[in-house]
Amino acid sequence: MASFEIKSGALVSLQDLCPSSPFFKQGASLRIIGKLREYSSETGLAIVIDGNDILKVSTEHLRDLTFQVGSVYQFIGELLIQPDNEGVLQARVGRNVDGIDLNLYHQSVLLLRQFQANHLSNPAT
């Protein structure tokens, strides 16, 4: 019997998902946050934004989640890179996070990365 390991989603911002980014890899497990700009119930495709950055999110596997344009959502899933080099997140988890302070969220992501860089490269400290 084959085992399938579900990886935790790496915490990234939408601006981290450009083709030159180390996070922009086929099948990468990611956790993103963004404001819902569009949602199609027919295709299950959501478009989330953060500033000027945009990401398509496939929500076909999500249940019991109501989408409202203008609300903020967090998704965890795997990045699928299309032939035109556009990334689409195949969401396996989604939740509404209205009320979150996005500036504070982005600051915490930067601090987490600094901490990980210091402690993963120098584990004795």
PDB file of N, CA and C in Angstrom:
ATOM      1  N   MET A   1       0.847  -1.185   0.000  1.00  0.00           N
ATOM      2  CA  MET A   1       0.000   0.000   0.000  1.00  0.00           C
ATOM      3  C   MET A   1       0.890   1.245   0.000  1.00  0.00           C
ATOM      4  N   ALA A   2       0.635   2.159  -0.918  1.00  0.00           N
ATOM      5  CA  ALA A   2       1.438   3.374  -1.022  1.00  0.00           C
ATOM      6  C   ALA A   2       1.031   4.349   0.072  1.00  0.00           C
ATOM      7  N   SER A   3       2.034   5.004   0.653  1.00  0.00           N
ATOM      8  CA  SER A   3       1.723   6.010   1.664  1.00  0.00           C
ATOM      9  C   SER A   3       1.766   7.384   1.015  1.00  0.00           C
ATOM     10  N   PHE A   4       0.900   8.243   1.480  1.00  0.00           N
ATOM     11  CA  PHE A   4       0.816   9.591   0.951  1.00  0.00           C
ATOM     12  C   PHE A   4       0.968  10.549   2.117  1.00  0.00           C
ATOM     13  N   GLU A   5       1.994  11.363   2.073  1.00  0.00           N
ATOM     14  CA  GLU A   5       2.260  12.298   3.147  1.00  0.00           C
ATOM     15  C   GLU A   5       1.741  13.670   2.754  1.00  0.00           C
ATOM     16  N   ILE A   6       0.895  14.230   3.603  1.00  0.00           N
ATOM     17  CA  ILE A   6       0.408  15.588   3.375  1.00  0.00           C
ATOM     18  C   ILE A   6       1.369  16.534   4.076  1.00  0.00           C
ATOM     19  N   LYS A   7       1.962  17.408   3.312  1.00  0.00           N
ATOM     20  CA  LYS A   7       2.929  18.346   3.869  1.00  0.00           C
ATOM     21  C   LYS A   7       2.218  19.581   4.403  1.00  0.00           C
ATOM     22  N   SER A   8       2.839  20.198   5.406  1.00  0.00           N
ATOM     23  CA  SER A   8       2.285  21.452   5.920  1.00  0.00           C
ATOM     24  C   SER A   8       2.492  22.532   4.875  1.00  0.00           C
ATOM     25  N   GLY A   9       1.623  23.504   4.869  1.00  0.00           N
ATOM     26  CA  GLY A   9       1.729  24.579   3.897  1.00  0.00           C
ATOM     27  C   GLY A   9       2.730  25.632   4.330  1.00  0.00           C
ATOM     28  N   ALA A  10       3.728  25.888   3.494  1.00  0.00           N
ATOM     29  CA  ALA A  10       4.701  26.943   3.776  1.00  0.00           C
ATOM     30  C   ALA A  10       3.983  28.287   3.747  1.00  0.00           C
ATOM     31  N   LEU A  11       4.252  29.099   4.740  1.00  0.00           N
ATOM     32  CA  LEU A  11       3.616  30.399   4.870  1.00  0.00           C
ATOM     33  C   LEU A  11       4.230  31.362   3.862  1.00  0.00           C
ATOM     34  N   VAL A  12       3.454  31.787   2.877  1.00  0.00           N
ATOM     35  CA  VAL A  12       3.956  32.699   1.847  1.00  0.00           C
ATOM     36  C   VAL A  12       2.943  33.812   1.593  1.00  0.00           C
ATOM     37  N   SER A  13       3.454  34.923   1.095  1.00  0.00           N
ATOM     38  CA  SER A  13       2.567  35.995   0.654  1.00  0.00           C
ATOM     39  C   SER A  13       2.397  35.855  -0.852  1.00  0.00           C
ATOM     40  N   LEU A  14       1.391  36.483  -1.395  1.00  0.00           N
ATOM     41  CA  LEU A  14       1.166  36.389  -2.840  1.00  0.00           C
ATOM     42  C   LEU A  14       2.338  36.970  -3.622  1.00  0.00           C
ATOM     43  N   GLN A  15       2.999  37.953  -3.063  1.00  0.00           N
ATOM     44  CA  GLN A  15       4.131  38.548  -3.774  1.00  0.00           C
ATOM     45  C   GLN A  15       5.309  37.570  -3.843  1.00  0.00           C
ATOM     46  N   ASP A  16       5.319  36.547  -2.985  1.00  0.00           N
ATOM     47  CA  ASP A  16       6.366  35.517  -3.029  1.00  0.00           C
ATOM     48  C   ASP A  16       6.168  34.526  -4.167  1.00  0.00           C
ATOM     49  N   LEU A  17       5.056  34.604  -4.872  1.00  0.00           N
ATOM     50  CA  LEU A  17       4.732  33.576  -5.856  1.00  0.00           C
ATOM     51  C   LEU A  17       4.998  33.994  -7.300  1.00  0.00           C
ATOM     52  N   CYS A  18       6.097  34.682  -7.522  1.00  0.00           N
ATOM     53  CA  CYS A  18       6.514  34.977  -8.896  1.00  0.00           C
ATOM     54  C   CYS A  18       7.329  33.794  -9.405  1.00  0.00           C
ATOM     55  N   PRO A  19       7.410  33.597 -10.715  1.00  0.00           N
ATOM     56  CA  PRO A  19       8.112  32.428 -11.260  1.00  0.00           C
ATOM     57  C   PRO A  19       9.566  32.274 -10.804  1.00  0.00           C
ATOM     58  N   SER A  20      10.237  33.341 -10.413  1.00  0.00           N
ATOM     59  CA  SER A  20      11.636  33.237  -9.975  1.00  0.00           C
ATOM     60  C   SER A  20      11.762  32.886  -8.489  1.00  0.00           C
ATOM     61  N   SER A  21      10.650  32.803  -7.791  1.00  0.00           N
ATOM     62  CA  SER A  21      10.660  32.528  -6.352  1.00  0.00           C
ATOM     63  C   SER A  21      10.941  31.053  -6.066  1.00  0.00           C
ATOM     64  N   PRO A  22      11.639  30.767  -4.960  1.00  0.00           N
ATOM     65  CA  PRO A  22      11.859  29.359  -4.590  1.00  0.00           C
ATOM     66  C   PRO A  22      10.557  28.655  -4.183  1.00  0.00           C
ATOM     67  N   PHE A  23       9.514  29.406  -3.896  1.00  0.00           N
ATOM     68  CA  PHE A  23       8.218  28.822  -3.528  1.00  0.00           C
ATOM     69  C   PHE A  23       7.398  28.420  -4.755  1.00  0.00           C
ATOM     70  N   PHE A  24       7.765  28.942  -5.924  1.00  0.00           N
ATOM     71  CA  PHE A  24       7.009  28.713  -7.153  1.00  0.00           C
ATOM     72  C   PHE A  24       7.455  27.402  -7.790  1.00  0.00           C
ATOM     73  N   LYS A  25       6.998  26.286  -7.195  1.00  0.00           N
ATOM     74  CA  LYS A  25       7.364  24.956  -7.674  1.00  0.00           C
ATOM     75  C   LYS A  25       6.111  24.112  -7.820  1.00  0.00           C
ATOM     76  N   GLN A  26       6.089  23.293  -8.836  1.00  0.00           N
ATOM     77  CA  GLN A  26       4.961  22.386  -9.068  1.00  0.00           C
ATOM     78  C   GLN A  26       4.758  21.506  -7.833  1.00  0.00           C
ATOM     79  N   GLY A  27       3.536  21.521  -7.308  1.00  0.00           N
ATOM     80  CA  GLY A  27       3.186  20.671  -6.176  1.00  0.00           C
ATOM     81  C   GLY A  27       3.602  21.201  -4.821  1.00  0.00           C
ATOM     82  N   ALA A  28       4.190  22.401  -4.759  1.00  0.00           N
ATOM     83  CA  ALA A  28       4.599  22.972  -3.472  1.00  0.00           C
ATOM     84  C   ALA A  28       3.381  23.156  -2.583  1.00  0.00           C
ATOM     85  N   SER A  29       3.497  22.755  -1.333  1.00  0.00           N
ATOM     86  CA  SER A  29       2.418  22.915  -0.366  1.00  0.00           C
ATOM     87  C   SER A  29       2.553  24.296   0.268  1.00  0.00           C
ATOM     88  N   LEU A  30       1.529  25.138   0.089  1.00  0.00           N
ATOM     89  CA  LEU A  30       1.592  26.541   0.490  1.00  0.00           C
ATOM     90  C   LEU A  30       0.389  26.952   1.327  1.00  0.00           C
ATOM     91  N   ARG A  31       0.596  27.980   2.140  1.00  0.00           N
ATOM     92  CA  ARG A  31      -0.490  28.626   2.887  1.00  0.00           C
ATOM     93  C   ARG A  31      -0.469  30.093   2.508  1.00  0.00           C
ATOM     94  N   ILE A  32      -1.572  30.569   1.947  1.00  0.00           N
ATOM     95  CA  ILE A  32      -1.633  31.957   1.478  1.00  0.00           C
ATOM     96  C   ILE A  32      -2.841  32.648   2.102  1.00  0.00           C
ATOM     97  N   ILE A  33      -2.828  33.962   2.008  1.00  0.00           N
ATOM     98  CA  ILE A  33      -3.949  34.754   2.493  1.00  0.00           C
ATOM     99  C   ILE A  33      -4.192  35.871   1.481  1.00  0.00           C
ATOM    100  N   GLY A  34      -5.452  36.203   1.250  1.00  0.00           N
ATOM    101  CA  GLY A  34      -5.771  37.276   0.323  1.00  0.00           C
ATOM    102  C   GLY A  34      -7.237  37.636   0.361  1.00  0.00           C
ATOM    103  N   LYS A  35      -7.538  38.774  -0.229  1.00  0.00           N
ATOM    104  CA  LYS A  35      -8.919  39.265  -0.298  1.00  0.00           C
ATOM    105  C   LYS A  35      -9.566  38.702  -1.552  1.00  0.00           C
ATOM    106  N   LEU A  36     -10.776  38.183  -1.403  1.00  0.00           N
ATOM    107  CA  LEU A  36     -11.488  37.588  -2.535  1.00  0.00           C
ATOM    108  C   LEU A  36     -11.952  38.688  -3.489  1.00  0.00           C
ATOM    109  N   ARG A  37     -11.442  38.629  -4.723  1.00  0.00           N
ATOM    110  CA  ARG A  37     -11.851  39.600  -5.738  1.00  0.00           C
ATOM    111  C   ARG A  37     -12.976  39.060  -6.599  1.00  0.00           C
ATOM    112  N   GLU A  38     -12.903  37.755  -6.934  1.00  0.00           N
ATOM    113  CA  GLU A  38     -13.936  37.116  -7.754  1.00  0.00           C
ATOM    114  C   GLU A  38     -14.106  35.678  -7.302  1.00  0.00           C
ATOM    115  N   TYR A  39     -15.300  35.167  -7.518  1.00  0.00           N
ATOM    116  CA  TYR A  39     -15.538  33.747  -7.257  1.00  0.00           C
ATOM    117  C   TYR A  39     -16.600  33.247  -8.224  1.00  0.00           C
ATOM    118  N   SER A  40     -16.333  32.087  -8.842  1.00  0.00           N
ATOM    119  CA  SER A  40     -17.301  31.452  -9.732  1.00  0.00           C
ATOM    120  C   SER A  40     -17.719  30.125  -9.115  1.00  0.00           C
ATOM    121  N   SER A  41     -18.993  30.004  -8.769  1.00  0.00           N
ATOM    122  CA  SER A  41     -19.482  28.747  -8.202  1.00  0.00           C
ATOM    123  C   SER A  41     -19.548  27.658  -9.283  1.00  0.00           C
ATOM    124  N   GLU A  42     -19.654  28.047 -10.554  1.00  0.00           N
ATOM    125  CA  GLU A  42     -19.702  27.064 -11.636  1.00  0.00           C
ATOM    126  C   GLU A  42     -18.357  26.362 -11.807  1.00  0.00           C
ATOM    127  N   THR A  43     -17.258  27.121 -11.737  1.00  0.00           N
ATOM    128  CA  THR A  43     -15.929  26.539 -11.945  1.00  0.00           C
ATOM    129  C   THR A  43     -15.213  26.234 -10.632  1.00  0.00           C
ATOM    130  N   GLY A  44     -15.693  26.810  -9.537  1.00  0.00           N
ATOM    131  CA  GLY A  44     -15.013  26.642  -8.252  1.00  0.00           C
ATOM    132  C   GLY A  44     -13.702  27.403  -8.185  1.00  0.00           C
ATOM    133  N   LEU A  45     -13.555  28.407  -9.046  1.00  0.00           N
ATOM    134  CA  LEU A  45     -12.322  29.176  -9.113  1.00  0.00           C
ATOM    135  C   LEU A  45     -12.489  30.510  -8.399  1.00  0.00           C
ATOM    136  N   ALA A  46     -11.585  30.770  -7.467  1.00  0.00           N
ATOM    137  CA  ALA A  46     -11.563  32.040  -6.736  1.00  0.00           C
ATOM    138  C   ALA A  46     -10.328  32.817  -7.170  1.00  0.00           C
ATOM    139  N   ILE A  47     -10.451  34.127  -7.184  1.00  0.00           N
ATOM    140  CA  ILE A  47      -9.298  34.979  -7.445  1.00  0.00           C
ATOM    141  C   ILE A  47      -9.105  35.828  -6.204  1.00  0.00           C
ATOM    142  N   VAL A  48      -7.921  35.669  -5.587  1.00  0.00           N
ATOM    143  CA  VAL A  48      -7.607  36.440  -4.388  1.00  0.00           C
ATOM    144  C   VAL A  48      -6.493  37.419  -4.704  1.00  0.00           C
ATOM    145  N   ILE A  49      -6.514  38.548  -3.996  1.00  0.00           N
ATOM    146  CA  ILE A  49      -5.523  39.591  -4.211  1.00  0.00           C
ATOM    147  C   ILE A  49      -4.913  40.001  -2.882  1.00  0.00           C
ATOM    148  N   ASP A  50      -3.706  40.512  -2.978  1.00  0.00           N
ATOM    149  CA  ASP A  50      -3.032  41.124  -1.836  1.00  0.00           C
ATOM    150  C   ASP A  50      -2.205  42.250  -2.422  1.00  0.00           C
ATOM    151  N   GLY A  51      -2.688  43.465  -2.267  1.00  0.00           N
ATOM    152  CA  GLY A  51      -2.047  44.600  -2.935  1.00  0.00           C
ATOM    153  C   GLY A  51      -2.231  44.454  -4.430  1.00  0.00           C
ATOM    154  N   ASN A  52      -1.126  44.437  -5.178  1.00  0.00           N
ATOM    155  CA  ASN A  52      -1.180  44.284  -6.633  1.00  0.00           C
ATOM    156  C   ASN A  52      -0.990  42.843  -7.087  1.00  0.00           C
ATOM    157  N   ASP A  53      -0.831  41.929  -6.133  1.00  0.00           N
ATOM    158  CA  ASP A  53      -0.556  40.531  -6.466  1.00  0.00           C
ATOM    159  C   ASP A  53      -1.843  39.719  -6.488  1.00  0.00           C
ATOM    160  N   ILE A  54      -1.931  38.806  -7.452  1.00  0.00           N
ATOM    161  CA  ILE A  54      -3.154  38.034  -7.705  1.00  0.00           C
ATOM    162  C   ILE A  54      -2.808  36.557  -7.766  1.00  0.00           C
ATOM    163  N   LEU A  55      -3.720  35.718  -7.255  1.00  0.00           N
ATOM    164  CA  LEU A  55      -3.555  34.277  -7.375  1.00  0.00           C
ATOM    165  C   LEU A  55      -4.920  33.639  -7.593  1.00  0.00           C
ATOM    166  N   LYS A  56      -4.957  32.678  -8.510  1.00  0.00           N
ATOM    167  CA  LYS A  56      -6.170  31.880  -8.698  1.00  0.00           C
ATOM    168  C   LYS A  56      -6.120  30.717  -7.723  1.00  0.00           C
ATOM    169  N   VAL A  57      -7.289  30.409  -7.144  1.00  0.00           N
ATOM    170  CA  VAL A  57      -7.400  29.318  -6.183  1.00  0.00           C
ATOM    171  C   VAL A  57      -8.540  28.412  -6.625  1.00  0.00           C
ATOM    172  N   SER A  58      -8.232  27.140  -6.830  1.00  0.00           N
ATOM    173  CA  SER A  58      -9.260  26.154  -7.151  1.00  0.00           C
ATOM    174  C   SER A  58      -9.849  25.660  -5.834  1.00  0.00           C
ATOM    175  N   THR A  59     -11.161  25.840  -5.683  1.00  0.00           N
ATOM    176  CA  THR A  59     -11.829  25.506  -4.420  1.00  0.00           C
ATOM    177  C   THR A  59     -12.725  24.281  -4.557  1.00  0.00           C
ATOM    178  N   GLU A  60     -12.545  23.491  -5.613  1.00  0.00           N
ATOM    179  CA  GLU A  60     -13.460  22.385  -5.892  1.00  0.00           C
ATOM    180  C   GLU A  60     -13.507  21.337  -4.788  1.00  0.00           C
ATOM    181  N   HIS A  61     -12.453  21.218  -3.959  1.00  0.00           N
ATOM    182  CA  HIS A  61     -12.430  20.218  -2.894  1.00  0.00           C
ATOM    183  C   HIS A  61     -12.915  20.751  -1.556  1.00  0.00           C
ATOM    184  N   LEU A  62     -13.295  22.026  -1.505  1.00  0.00           N
ATOM    185  CA  LEU A  62     -13.732  22.627  -0.241  1.00  0.00           C
ATOM    186  C   LEU A  62     -15.240  22.492  -0.080  1.00  0.00           C
ATOM    187  N   ARG A  63     -15.642  22.219   1.146  1.00  0.00           N
ATOM    188  CA  ARG A  63     -17.074  22.108   1.469  1.00  0.00           C
ATOM    189  C   ARG A  63     -17.393  23.039   2.635  1.00  0.00           C
ATOM    190  N   ASP A  64     -18.625  23.432   2.722  1.00  0.00           N
ATOM    191  CA  ASP A  64     -19.114  24.242   3.849  1.00  0.00           C
ATOM    192  C   ASP A  64     -18.343  25.547   4.027  1.00  0.00           C
ATOM    193  N   LEU A  65     -17.938  26.157   2.926  1.00  0.00           N
ATOM    194  CA  LEU A  65     -17.288  27.456   2.978  1.00  0.00           C
ATOM    195  C   LEU A  65     -18.041  28.393   2.047  1.00  0.00           C
ATOM    196  N   THR A  66     -18.548  29.464   2.610  1.00  0.00           N
ATOM    197  CA  THR A  66     -19.297  30.448   1.839  1.00  0.00           C
ATOM    198  C   THR A  66     -18.343  31.553   1.406  1.00  0.00           C
ATOM    199  N   PHE A  67     -18.400  31.895   0.131  1.00  0.00           N
ATOM    200  CA  PHE A  67     -17.498  32.908  -0.400  1.00  0.00           C
ATOM    201  C   PHE A  67     -18.238  34.224  -0.575  1.00  0.00           C
ATOM    202  N   GLN A  68     -17.590  35.292  -0.108  1.00  0.00           N
ATOM    203  CA  GLN A  68     -18.138  36.629  -0.235  1.00  0.00           C
ATOM    204  C   GLN A  68     -17.040  37.552  -0.759  1.00  0.00           C
ATOM    205  N   VAL A  69     -17.277  38.149  -1.921  1.00  0.00           N
ATOM    206  CA  VAL A  69     -16.311  39.064  -2.520  1.00  0.00           C
ATOM    207  C   VAL A  69     -16.015  40.185  -1.525  1.00  0.00           C
ATOM    208  N   GLY A  70     -14.740  40.484  -1.359  1.00  0.00           N
ATOM    209  CA  GLY A  70     -14.314  41.528  -0.424  1.00  0.00           C
ATOM    210  C   GLY A  70     -13.860  40.976   0.918  1.00  0.00           C
ATOM    211  N   SER A  71     -14.204  39.727   1.217  1.00  0.00           N
ATOM    212  CA  SER A  71     -13.762  39.109   2.461  1.00  0.00           C
ATOM    213  C   SER A  71     -12.341  38.568   2.295  1.00  0.00           C
ATOM    214  N   VAL A  72     -11.672  38.358   3.430  1.00  0.00           N
ATOM    215  CA  VAL A  72     -10.299  37.858   3.424  1.00  0.00           C
ATOM    216  C   VAL A  72     -10.340  36.367   3.760  1.00  0.00           C
ATOM    217  N   TYR A  73      -9.572  35.578   2.978  1.00  0.00           N
ATOM    218  CA  TYR A  73      -9.546  34.125   3.148  1.00  0.00           C
ATOM    219  C   TYR A  73      -8.114  33.635   3.249  1.00  0.00           C
ATOM    220  N   GLN A  74      -7.970  32.535   3.969  1.00  0.00           N
ATOM    221  CA  GLN A  74      -6.696  31.832   4.039  1.00  0.00           C
ATOM    222  C   GLN A  74      -6.906  30.459   3.415  1.00  0.00           C
ATOM    223  N   PHE A  75      -5.961  30.051   2.565  1.00  0.00           N
ATOM    224  CA  PHE A  75      -6.048  28.750   1.897  1.00  0.00           C
ATOM    225  C   PHE A  75      -4.741  27.990   2.098  1.00  0.00           C
ATOM    226  N   ILE A  76      -4.861  26.685   2.252  1.00  0.00           N
ATOM    227  CA  ILE A  76      -3.714  25.793   2.271  1.00  0.00           C
ATOM    228  C   ILE A  76      -3.935  24.783   1.153  1.00  0.00           C
ATOM    229  N   GLY A  77      -2.913  24.583   0.347  1.00  0.00           N
ATOM    230  CA  GLY A  77      -3.044  23.644  -0.762  1.00  0.00           C
ATOM    231  C   GLY A  77      -1.760  23.515  -1.536  1.00  0.00           C
ATOM    232  N   GLU A  78      -1.876  22.880  -2.689  1.00  0.00           N
ATOM    233  CA  GLU A  78      -0.710  22.627  -3.527  1.00  0.00           C
ATOM    234  C   GLU A  78      -0.744  23.512  -4.771  1.00  0.00           C
ATOM    235  N   LEU A  79       0.429  24.018  -5.132  1.00  0.00           N
ATOM    236  CA  LEU A  79       0.547  24.897  -6.281  1.00  0.00           C
ATOM    237  C   LEU A  79       0.643  24.067  -7.559  1.00  0.00           C
ATOM    238  N   LEU A  80      -0.237  24.367  -8.493  1.00  0.00           N
ATOM    239  CA  LEU A  80      -0.218  23.730  -9.811  1.00  0.00           C
ATOM    240  C   LEU A  80       0.213  24.792 -10.813  1.00  0.00           C
ATOM    241  N   ILE A  81       1.291  24.528 -11.508  1.00  0.00           N
ATOM    242  CA  ILE A  81       1.798  25.500 -12.476  1.00  0.00           C
ATOM    243  C   ILE A  81       1.283  25.116 -13.853  1.00  0.00           C
ATOM    244  N   GLN A  82       0.564  26.039 -14.440  1.00  0.00           N
ATOM    245  CA  GLN A  82      -0.065  25.824 -15.741  1.00  0.00           C
ATOM    246  C   GLN A  82       0.961  25.959 -16.863  1.00  0.00           C
ATOM    247  N   PRO A  83       0.653  25.461 -18.070  1.00  0.00           N
ATOM    248  CA  PRO A  83       1.588  25.564 -19.204  1.00  0.00           C
ATOM    249  C   PRO A  83       2.008  27.002 -19.523  1.00  0.00           C
ATOM    250  N   ASP A  84       1.147  27.980 -19.212  1.00  0.00           N
ATOM    251  CA  ASP A  84       1.500  29.379 -19.462  1.00  0.00           C
ATOM    252  C   ASP A  84       2.292  29.990 -18.298  1.00  0.00           C
ATOM    253  N   ASN A  85       2.774  29.136 -17.372  1.00  0.00           N
ATOM    254  CA  ASN A  85       3.575  29.522 -16.209  1.00  0.00           C
ATOM    255  C   ASN A  85       2.772  30.309 -15.170  1.00  0.00           C
ATOM    256  N   GLU A  86       1.463  30.146 -15.189  1.00  0.00           N
ATOM    257  CA  GLU A  86       0.610  30.765 -14.181  1.00  0.00           C
ATOM    258  C   GLU A  86       0.355  29.744 -13.076  1.00  0.00           C
ATOM    259  N   GLY A  87       0.443  30.199 -11.831  1.00  0.00           N
ATOM    260  CA  GLY A  87       0.200  29.311 -10.701  1.00  0.00           C
ATOM    261  C   GLY A  87      -1.252  29.328 -10.277  1.00  0.00           C
ATOM    262  N   VAL A  88      -1.779  28.149  -9.948  1.00  0.00           N
ATOM    263  CA  VAL A  88      -3.129  28.013  -9.393  1.00  0.00           C
ATOM    264  C   VAL A  88      -2.991  27.156  -8.143  1.00  0.00           C
ATOM    265  N   LEU A  89      -3.500  27.654  -7.029  1.00  0.00           N
ATOM    266  CA  LEU A  89      -3.448  26.884  -5.794  1.00  0.00           C
ATOM    267  C   LEU A  89      -4.641  25.936  -5.740  1.00  0.00           C
ATOM    268  N   GLN A  90      -4.376  24.636  -5.621  1.00  0.00           N
ATOM    269  CA  GLN A  90      -5.432  23.627  -5.455  1.00  0.00           C
ATOM    270  C   GLN A  90      -5.681  23.531  -3.953  1.00  0.00           C
ATOM    271  N   ALA A  91      -6.706  24.252  -3.480  1.00  0.00           N
ATOM    272  CA  ALA A  91      -6.939  24.358  -2.037  1.00  0.00           C
ATOM    273  C   ALA A  91      -7.503  23.066  -1.459  1.00  0.00           C
ATOM    274  N   ARG A  92      -6.947  22.647  -0.316  1.00  0.00           N
ATOM    275  CA  ARG A  92      -7.511  21.522   0.434  1.00  0.00           C
ATOM    276  C   ARG A  92      -8.114  21.999   1.744  1.00  0.00           C
ATOM    277  N   VAL A  93      -7.739  23.235   2.165  1.00  0.00           N
ATOM    278  CA  VAL A  93      -8.295  23.859   3.363  1.00  0.00           C
ATOM    279  C   VAL A  93      -8.539  25.322   3.037  1.00  0.00           C
ATOM    280  N   GLY A  94      -9.652  25.846   3.503  1.00  0.00           N
ATOM    281  CA  GLY A  94      -9.945  27.259   3.328  1.00  0.00           C
ATOM    282  C   GLY A  94     -10.756  27.773   4.489  1.00  0.00           C
ATOM    283  N   ARG A  95     -10.528  29.025   4.854  1.00  0.00           N
ATOM    284  CA  ARG A  95     -11.324  29.634   5.920  1.00  0.00           C
ATOM    285  C   ARG A  95     -11.371  31.137   5.745  1.00  0.00           C
ATOM    286  N   ASN A  96     -12.460  31.713   6.226  1.00  0.00           N
ATOM    287  CA  ASN A  96     -12.634  33.150   6.212  1.00  0.00           C
ATOM    288  C   ASN A  96     -11.866  33.716   7.403  1.00  0.00           C
ATOM    289  N   VAL A  97     -11.033  34.722   7.150  1.00  0.00           N
ATOM    290  CA  VAL A  97     -10.263  35.353   8.226  1.00  0.00           C
ATOM    291  C   VAL A  97     -10.500  36.865   8.244  1.00  0.00           C
ATOM    292  N   ASP A  98     -11.750  37.258   7.987  1.00  0.00           N
ATOM    293  CA  ASP A  98     -12.096  38.682   8.069  1.00  0.00           C
ATOM    294  C   ASP A  98     -11.683  39.222   9.434  1.00  0.00           C
ATOM    295  N   GLY A  99     -11.196  40.438   9.445  1.00  0.00           N
ATOM    296  CA  GLY A  99     -10.798  41.074  10.696  1.00  0.00           C
ATOM    297  C   GLY A  99      -9.304  40.964  10.964  1.00  0.00           C
ATOM    298  N   ILE A 100      -8.603  40.134  10.200  1.00  0.00           N
ATOM    299  CA  ILE A 100      -7.164  40.000  10.407  1.00  0.00           C
ATOM    300  C   ILE A 100      -6.468  41.285   9.985  1.00  0.00           C
ATOM    301  N   ASP A 101      -5.455  41.674  10.720  1.00  0.00           N
ATOM    302  CA  ASP A 101      -4.644  42.840  10.377  1.00  0.00           C
ATOM    303  C   ASP A 101      -3.583  42.366   9.395  1.00  0.00           C
ATOM    304  N   LEU A 102      -3.765  42.646   8.104  1.00  0.00           N
ATOM    305  CA  LEU A 102      -2.855  42.142   7.078  1.00  0.00           C
ATOM    306  C   LEU A 102      -1.442  42.705   7.210  1.00  0.00           C
ATOM    307  N   ASN A 103      -1.310  43.942   7.662  1.00  0.00           N
ATOM    308  CA  ASN A 103       0.034  44.496   7.864  1.00  0.00           C
ATOM    309  C   ASN A 103       0.771  43.729   8.957  1.00  0.00           C
ATOM    310  N   LEU A 104       0.085  43.456  10.058  1.00  0.00           N
ATOM    311  CA  LEU A 104       0.681  42.684  11.143  1.00  0.00           C
ATOM    312  C   LEU A 104       0.981  41.257  10.692  1.00  0.00           C
ATOM    313  N   TYR A 105       0.106  40.694   9.887  1.00  0.00           N
ATOM    314  CA  TYR A 105       0.319  39.350   9.341  1.00  0.00           C
ATOM    315  C   TYR A 105       1.602  39.303   8.514  1.00  0.00           C
ATOM    316  N   HIS A 106       1.787  40.289   7.636  1.00  0.00           N
ATOM    317  CA  HIS A 106       2.984  40.320   6.786  1.00  0.00           C
ATOM    318  C   HIS A 106       4.249  40.526   7.629  1.00  0.00           C
ATOM    319  N   GLN A 107       4.154  41.342   8.673  1.00  0.00           N
ATOM    320  CA  GLN A 107       5.299  41.528   9.568  1.00  0.00           C
ATOM    321  C   GLN A 107       5.659  40.214  10.261  1.00  0.00           C
ATOM    322  N   SER A 108       4.645  39.465  10.671  1.00  0.00           N
ATOM    323  CA  SER A 108       4.908  38.194  11.359  1.00  0.00           C
ATOM    324  C   SER A 108       5.543  37.177  10.401  1.00  0.00           C
ATOM    325  N   VAL A 109       5.146  37.186   9.140  1.00  0.00           N
ATOM    326  CA  VAL A 109       5.758  36.289   8.155  1.00  0.00           C
ATOM    327  C   VAL A 109       7.247  36.628   7.996  1.00  0.00           C
ATOM    328  N   LEU A 110       7.566  37.916   7.928  1.00  0.00           N
ATOM    329  CA  LEU A 110       8.974  38.326   7.808  1.00  0.00           C
ATOM    330  C   LEU A 110       9.775  37.920   9.042  1.00  0.00           C
ATOM    331  N   LEU A 111       9.210  38.119  10.215  1.00  0.00           N
ATOM    332  CA  LEU A 111       9.904  37.733  11.449  1.00  0.00           C
ATOM    333  C   LEU A 111      10.104  36.221  11.523  1.00  0.00           C
ATOM    334  N   LEU A 112       9.103  35.459  11.104  1.00  0.00           N
ATOM    335  CA  LEU A 112       9.225  34.006  11.090  1.00  0.00           C
ATOM    336  C   LEU A 112      10.361  33.577  10.165  1.00  0.00           C
ATOM    337  N   ARG A 113      10.444  34.185   8.999  1.00  0.00           N
ATOM    338  CA  ARG A 113      11.514  33.841   8.052  1.00  0.00           C
ATOM    339  C   ARG A 113      12.892  34.190   8.611  1.00  0.00           C
ATOM    340  N   GLN A 114      12.989  35.343   9.286  1.00  0.00           N
ATOM    341  CA  GLN A 114      14.264  35.718   9.897  1.00  0.00           C
ATOM    342  C   GLN A 114      14.651  34.710  10.973  1.00  0.00           C
ATOM    343  N   PHE A 115      13.706  34.332  11.804  1.00  0.00           N
ATOM    344  CA  PHE A 115      13.957  33.354  12.866  1.00  0.00           C
ATOM    345  C   PHE A 115      14.399  32.021  12.268  1.00  0.00           C
ATOM    346  N   GLN A 116      13.680  31.552  11.266  1.00  0.00           N
ATOM    347  CA  GLN A 116      14.025  30.272  10.645  1.00  0.00           C
ATOM    348  C   GLN A 116      15.405  30.336   9.990  1.00  0.00           C
ATOM    349  N   ALA A 117      15.719  31.428   9.323  1.00  0.00           N
ATOM    350  CA  ALA A 117      17.025  31.573   8.677  1.00  0.00           C
ATOM    351  C   ALA A 117      18.144  31.534   9.720  1.00  0.00           C
ATOM    352  N   ASN A 118      17.943  32.186  10.845  1.00  0.00           N
ATOM    353  CA  ASN A 118      18.976  32.215  11.892  1.00  0.00           C
ATOM    354  C   ASN A 118      19.124  30.870  12.577  1.00  0.00           C
ATOM    355  N   HIS A 119      18.029  30.203  12.854  1.00  0.00           N
ATOM    356  CA  HIS A 119      18.080  28.977  13.642  1.00  0.00           C
ATOM    357  C   HIS A 119      18.279  27.713  12.800  1.00  0.00           C
ATOM    358  N   LEU A 120      17.868  27.744  11.552  1.00  0.00           N
ATOM    359  CA  LEU A 120      18.105  26.577  10.704  1.00  0.00           C
ATOM    360  C   LEU A 120      19.543  26.532  10.202  1.00  0.00           C
ATOM    361  N   SER A 121      20.153  27.705  10.019  1.00  0.00           N
ATOM    362  CA  SER A 121      21.533  27.738   9.558  1.00  0.00           C
ATOM    363  C   SER A 121      22.514  27.639  10.724  1.00  0.00           C
ATOM    364  N   ASN A 122      22.042  27.942  11.945  1.00  0.00           N
ATOM    365  CA  ASN A 122      22.908  27.907  13.131  1.00  0.00           C
ATOM    366  C   ASN A 122      22.117  27.306  14.289  1.00  0.00           C
ATOM    367  N   PRO A 123      21.877  25.973  14.290  1.00  0.00           N
ATOM    368  CA  PRO A 123      20.975  25.349  15.256  1.00  0.00           C
ATOM    369  C   PRO A 123      21.454  25.390  16.703  1.00  0.00           C
ATOM    370  N   ALA A 124      22.703  25.725  16.966  1.00  0.00           N
ATOM    371  CA  ALA A 124      23.205  25.753  18.345  1.00  0.00           C
ATOM    372  C   ALA A 124      22.721  26.962  19.126  1.00  0.00           C
ATOM    373  N   THR A 125      22.183  27.973  18.454  1.00  0.00           N
ATOM    374  CA  THR A 125      21.746  29.186  19.167  1.00  0.00           C
ATOM    375  C   THR A 125      20.294  29.169  19.482  1.00  0.00           C
TER     376      THR A 125
END
